[in-house]
Amino acid sequence: MDRVAIKKRAKEFAFVNKWNIWKAILLVSAINYVASFCLSTIANIIGLDTDGIIFSLVSFALVLATMPLQVGFASYLIKLINGKEINITEELFARYKDGSMFKIIIVTFVAGLIIGVMSLLLVIPGIIFAIKYSMLSFVLAEQSLDDMNKEEAYKVSSRMMDGHKMEYFIFILSFLGWALLCCLTLGILYIWIVPYYYTANVMWYEELKKISK
């Protein structure tokens, strides 16, 4: 994997298409914010303890419910980078309409649970499993769970990352310098860096697909 070449192409694409990417990012963020705000407002109206177990469970259920939205976001980025015509809202909410919502929730929740458990045991295994499943959102964005079982989704991401885990780890670390620069510019650089980071990850995934064929 040519990390330098991928990042160069990602920079060029992100610079030109940053606002198209930001539209999707802001829409997803707005949906999450509104959902959380509504939940907190309802809890206050009915007198529900926001530090209690019930509120925590409902909040967790809300997080689960937005997981298909993240897959929709991944799908949007893939299609945008591949030059396909897309409607942002239709793409983001597609998984709620096609019946794959609950399957995606189960797959992503179990992956997160595995990563969390491994991280509690030891940091290194947690990082390894996080990298193994790092392509899962992209896999779910492009492959229907009707065509493969849930276990196959994990295997596809894991198989794609075989032999590339350290490369990807270095790839992610290479963005730390940009993150520091963003802090020094009071976050102004995030306007460009965030689309660049997302674009680079999609392009990494696209390269992995070519190698995995």
Protein backbone atom coordinates (compact mmCIF):
# COMPACT_ATOMS: atom_id res chain seq x y z
CA MET A 1 0.00 0.00 0.00
CA ASP A 2 1.44 3.34 -1.08
CA ARG A 3 0.47 5.56 1.86
CA VAL A 4 2.04 8.69 0.37
CA ALA A 5 0.22 8.29 -2.96
CA ILE A 6 -3.12 7.64 -1.25
CA LYS A 7 -2.76 10.73 0.93
CA LYS A 8 -1.74 12.86 -2.04
CA ARG A 9 -4.84 11.86 -4.00
CA ALA A 10 -6.98 12.34 -0.89
CA LYS A 11 -5.63 15.87 -0.39
CA GLU A 12 -6.44 16.84 -3.95
CA PHE A 13 -9.95 15.39 -3.80
CA ALA A 14 -10.75 16.78 -0.35
CA PHE A 15 -9.63 20.27 -1.30
CA VAL A 16 -12.05 20.38 -4.23
CA ASN A 17 -14.93 18.50 -2.58
CA LYS A 18 -14.64 19.59 1.07
CA TRP A 19 -18.04 21.27 1.16
CA ASN A 20 -19.82 18.23 -0.29
CA ILE A 21 -18.23 16.15 2.47
CA TRP A 22 -19.02 18.73 5.14
CA LYS A 23 -22.69 18.77 4.11
CA ALA A 24 -22.96 15.10 5.06
CA ILE A 25 -20.89 15.52 8.22
CA LEU A 26 -23.01 18.43 9.44
CA LEU A 27 -26.25 16.65 8.58
CA VAL A 28 -25.23 13.56 10.56
CA SER A 29 -24.06 15.75 13.45
CA ALA A 30 -27.30 17.73 13.41
CA ILE A 31 -29.41 14.55 13.48
CA ASN A 32 -27.42 13.20 16.43
CA TYR A 33 -27.67 16.52 18.26
CA VAL A 34 -31.40 16.89 17.70
CA ALA A 35 -32.02 13.30 18.82
CA SER A 36 -29.99 13.84 22.02
CA PHE A 37 -31.64 17.20 22.66
CA CYS A 38 -35.12 15.74 22.26
CA LEU A 39 -34.27 12.87 24.59
CA SER A 40 -32.96 15.24 27.27
CA THR A 41 -35.97 17.53 26.88
CA ILE A 42 -38.46 14.68 27.20
CA ALA A 43 -36.56 13.35 30.23
CA ASN A 44 -36.79 16.75 31.92
CA ILE A 45 -40.49 17.09 31.11
CA ILE A 46 -41.41 13.72 32.60
CA GLY A 47 -38.96 14.11 35.48
CA LEU A 48 -36.67 11.26 34.47
CA ASP A 49 -33.32 11.20 36.25
CA THR A 50 -30.68 11.89 33.59
CA ASP A 51 -28.10 10.12 35.75
CA GLY A 52 -30.27 7.06 36.21
CA ILE A 53 -30.21 3.64 34.60
CA ILE A 54 -33.35 4.14 32.51
CA PHE A 55 -32.03 7.31 30.88
CA SER A 56 -28.67 5.61 30.26
CA LEU A 57 -30.38 2.65 28.59
CA VAL A 58 -32.52 4.90 26.39
CA SER A 59 -29.42 6.95 25.46
CA PHE A 60 -27.60 3.74 24.55
CA ALA A 61 -30.56 2.63 22.43
CA LEU A 62 -30.39 5.98 20.65
CA VAL A 63 -26.70 5.44 19.88
CA LEU A 64 -27.53 2.01 18.45
CA ALA A 65 -30.31 3.50 16.34
CA THR A 66 -27.88 5.93 14.66
CA MET A 67 -25.42 3.21 13.61
CA PRO A 68 -27.08 2.70 10.18
CA LEU A 69 -26.64 6.45 9.68
CA GLN A 70 -22.87 5.98 9.93
CA VAL A 71 -23.03 3.25 7.30
CA GLY A 72 -25.05 5.61 5.12
CA PHE A 73 -22.35 8.23 5.58
CA ALA A 74 -19.69 5.72 4.53
CA SER A 75 -21.76 4.84 1.46
CA TYR A 76 -22.12 8.52 0.59
CA LEU A 77 -18.36 9.05 0.75
CA ILE A 78 -17.62 5.99 -1.37
CA LYS A 79 -20.04 7.08 -4.09
CA LEU A 80 -18.88 10.70 -3.97
CA ILE A 81 -15.22 9.71 -4.36
CA ASN A 82 -16.10 7.33 -7.20
CA GLY A 83 -17.92 10.12 -9.04
CA LYS A 84 -21.44 8.71 -8.74
CA GLU A 85 -24.56 10.84 -8.59
CA ILE A 86 -25.99 10.83 -5.07
CA ASN A 87 -28.61 12.47 -2.93
CA ILE A 88 -27.24 13.08 0.56
CA THR A 89 -30.40 12.50 2.58
CA GLU A 90 -31.46 9.46 0.56
CA GLU A 91 -28.04 7.87 0.95
CA LEU A 92 -27.77 8.60 4.68
CA PHE A 93 -31.19 7.12 5.45
CA ALA A 94 -31.14 4.29 2.90
CA ARG A 95 -30.42 1.60 5.52
CA TYR A 96 -33.53 2.57 7.46
CA LYS A 97 -35.64 2.00 4.36
CA ASP A 98 -34.16 -1.18 2.90
CA GLY A 99 -34.72 -3.36 5.97
CA SER A 100 -31.05 -3.73 6.92
CA MET A 101 -31.23 -1.40 9.92
CA PHE A 102 -31.38 -4.03 12.67
CA LYS A 103 -28.78 -6.27 11.03
CA ILE A 104 -26.35 -3.35 10.80
CA ILE A 105 -27.00 -2.44 14.43
CA ILE A 106 -26.23 -6.00 15.55
CA VAL A 107 -23.06 -6.28 13.45
CA THR A 108 -21.62 -2.92 14.49
CA PHE A 109 -22.61 -3.38 18.13
CA VAL A 110 -20.94 -6.79 18.37
CA ALA A 111 -17.79 -5.43 16.68
CA GLY A 112 -17.69 -2.54 19.15
CA LEU A 113 -18.26 -4.94 22.04
CA ILE A 114 -15.38 -7.17 20.94
CA ILE A 115 -13.07 -4.18 20.58
CA GLY A 116 -14.15 -2.85 23.97
CA VAL A 117 -13.60 -6.17 25.75
CA MET A 118 -10.19 -6.66 24.13
CA SER A 119 -9.21 -3.10 25.08
CA LEU A 120 -10.16 -3.75 28.71
CA LEU A 121 -7.98 -6.86 28.76
CA LEU A 122 -4.94 -5.29 27.09
CA VAL A 123 -4.43 -2.15 25.00
CA ILE A 124 -2.56 -3.82 22.13
CA PRO A 125 -5.22 -6.50 21.42
CA GLY A 126 -7.84 -3.74 21.49
CA ILE A 127 -5.93 -1.78 18.85
CA ILE A 128 -5.46 -4.89 16.73
CA PHE A 129 -9.18 -5.71 16.75
CA ALA A 130 -10.08 -2.07 16.09
CA ILE A 131 -7.88 -2.19 12.99
CA LYS A 132 -9.28 -5.59 11.95
CA TYR A 133 -12.80 -4.15 11.92
CA SER A 134 -11.84 -0.67 10.69
CA MET A 135 -13.26 -1.37 7.21
CA LEU A 136 -16.55 -2.74 8.53
CA SER A 137 -18.62 0.39 7.82
CA PHE A 138 -17.39 0.44 4.23
CA VAL A 139 -18.08 -3.27 3.82
CA LEU A 140 -21.62 -2.83 5.15
CA ALA A 141 -22.06 0.19 2.88
CA GLU A 142 -21.31 -1.82 -0.24
CA GLN A 143 -22.42 -5.35 0.54
CA SER A 144 -25.95 -6.28 1.52
CA LEU A 145 -26.35 -8.37 4.66
CA ASP A 146 -28.98 -10.28 2.71
CA ASP A 147 -26.17 -11.62 0.52
CA MET A 148 -23.87 -12.60 3.39
CA ASN A 149 -24.36 -13.59 6.99
CA LYS A 150 -23.28 -11.40 9.90
CA GLU A 151 -20.13 -13.42 10.56
CA GLU A 152 -19.04 -12.94 6.94
CA ALA A 153 -19.10 -9.15 7.39
CA TYR A 154 -16.44 -9.41 10.10
CA LYS A 155 -14.42 -11.83 8.02
CA VAL A 156 -14.41 -9.54 4.98
CA SER A 157 -13.04 -6.59 6.97
CA SER A 158 -10.54 -8.81 8.80
CA ARG A 159 -9.41 -10.49 5.57
CA MET A 160 -8.91 -7.14 3.84
CA MET A 161 -6.68 -5.96 6.68
CA ASP A 162 -4.56 -9.14 6.78
CA GLY A 163 -0.95 -8.08 6.22
CA HIS A 164 -1.89 -4.38 6.34
CA LYS A 165 -2.60 -3.76 10.03
CA MET A 166 0.73 -2.08 10.80
CA GLU A 167 0.52 -0.11 7.55
CA TYR A 168 -2.91 1.18 8.54
CA PHE A 169 -1.75 1.97 12.07
CA ILE A 170 1.07 4.10 10.66
CA PHE A 171 -1.37 5.59 8.17
CA ILE A 172 -3.65 6.78 11.00
CA LEU A 173 -0.70 8.04 13.08
CA SER A 174 0.42 10.13 10.11
CA PHE A 175 -2.58 12.41 10.71
CA LEU A 176 -1.49 13.33 14.25
CA GLY A 177 0.68 16.16 12.97
CA TRP A 178 -2.31 17.64 11.18
CA ALA A 179 -4.39 17.31 14.36
CA LEU A 180 -1.76 19.29 16.27
CA LEU A 181 -1.75 21.99 13.59
CA CYS A 182 -5.53 22.21 13.91
CA CYS A 183 -5.14 22.90 17.62
CA LEU A 184 -2.56 25.61 16.91
CA THR A 185 -4.95 27.29 14.45
CA LEU A 186 -7.82 27.15 16.97
CA GLY A 187 -9.56 24.51 14.90
CA ILE A 188 -9.68 26.48 11.65
CA LEU A 189 -7.71 23.83 9.77
CA TYR A 190 -10.38 21.24 10.64
CA ILE A 191 -12.40 22.71 7.77
CA TRP A 192 -9.94 21.04 5.40
CA ILE A 193 -8.40 18.28 7.55
CA VAL A 194 -11.64 16.46 8.42
CA PRO A 195 -12.68 15.93 4.76
CA TYR A 196 -9.06 14.99 3.99
CA TYR A 197 -9.04 12.34 6.72
CA TYR A 198 -12.35 10.80 5.67
CA THR A 199 -11.35 10.84 2.00
CA ALA A 200 -8.01 9.18 2.74
CA ASN A 201 -9.74 6.38 4.64
CA VAL A 202 -12.12 5.69 1.78
CA MET A 203 -9.25 5.66 -0.70
CA TRP A 204 -7.35 3.27 1.56
CA TYR A 205 -10.40 1.00 1.50
CA GLU A 206 -10.60 1.24 -2.29
CA GLU A 207 -6.95 0.19 -2.59
CA LEU A 208 -7.56 -2.72 -0.23
CA LYS A 209 -10.43 -3.90 -2.44
CA LYS A 210 -8.13 -4.00 -5.46
CA ILE A 211 -5.52 -6.02 -3.57
CA SER A 212 -8.09 -8.37 -2.06
CA LYS A 213 -9.62 -9.37 -5.39
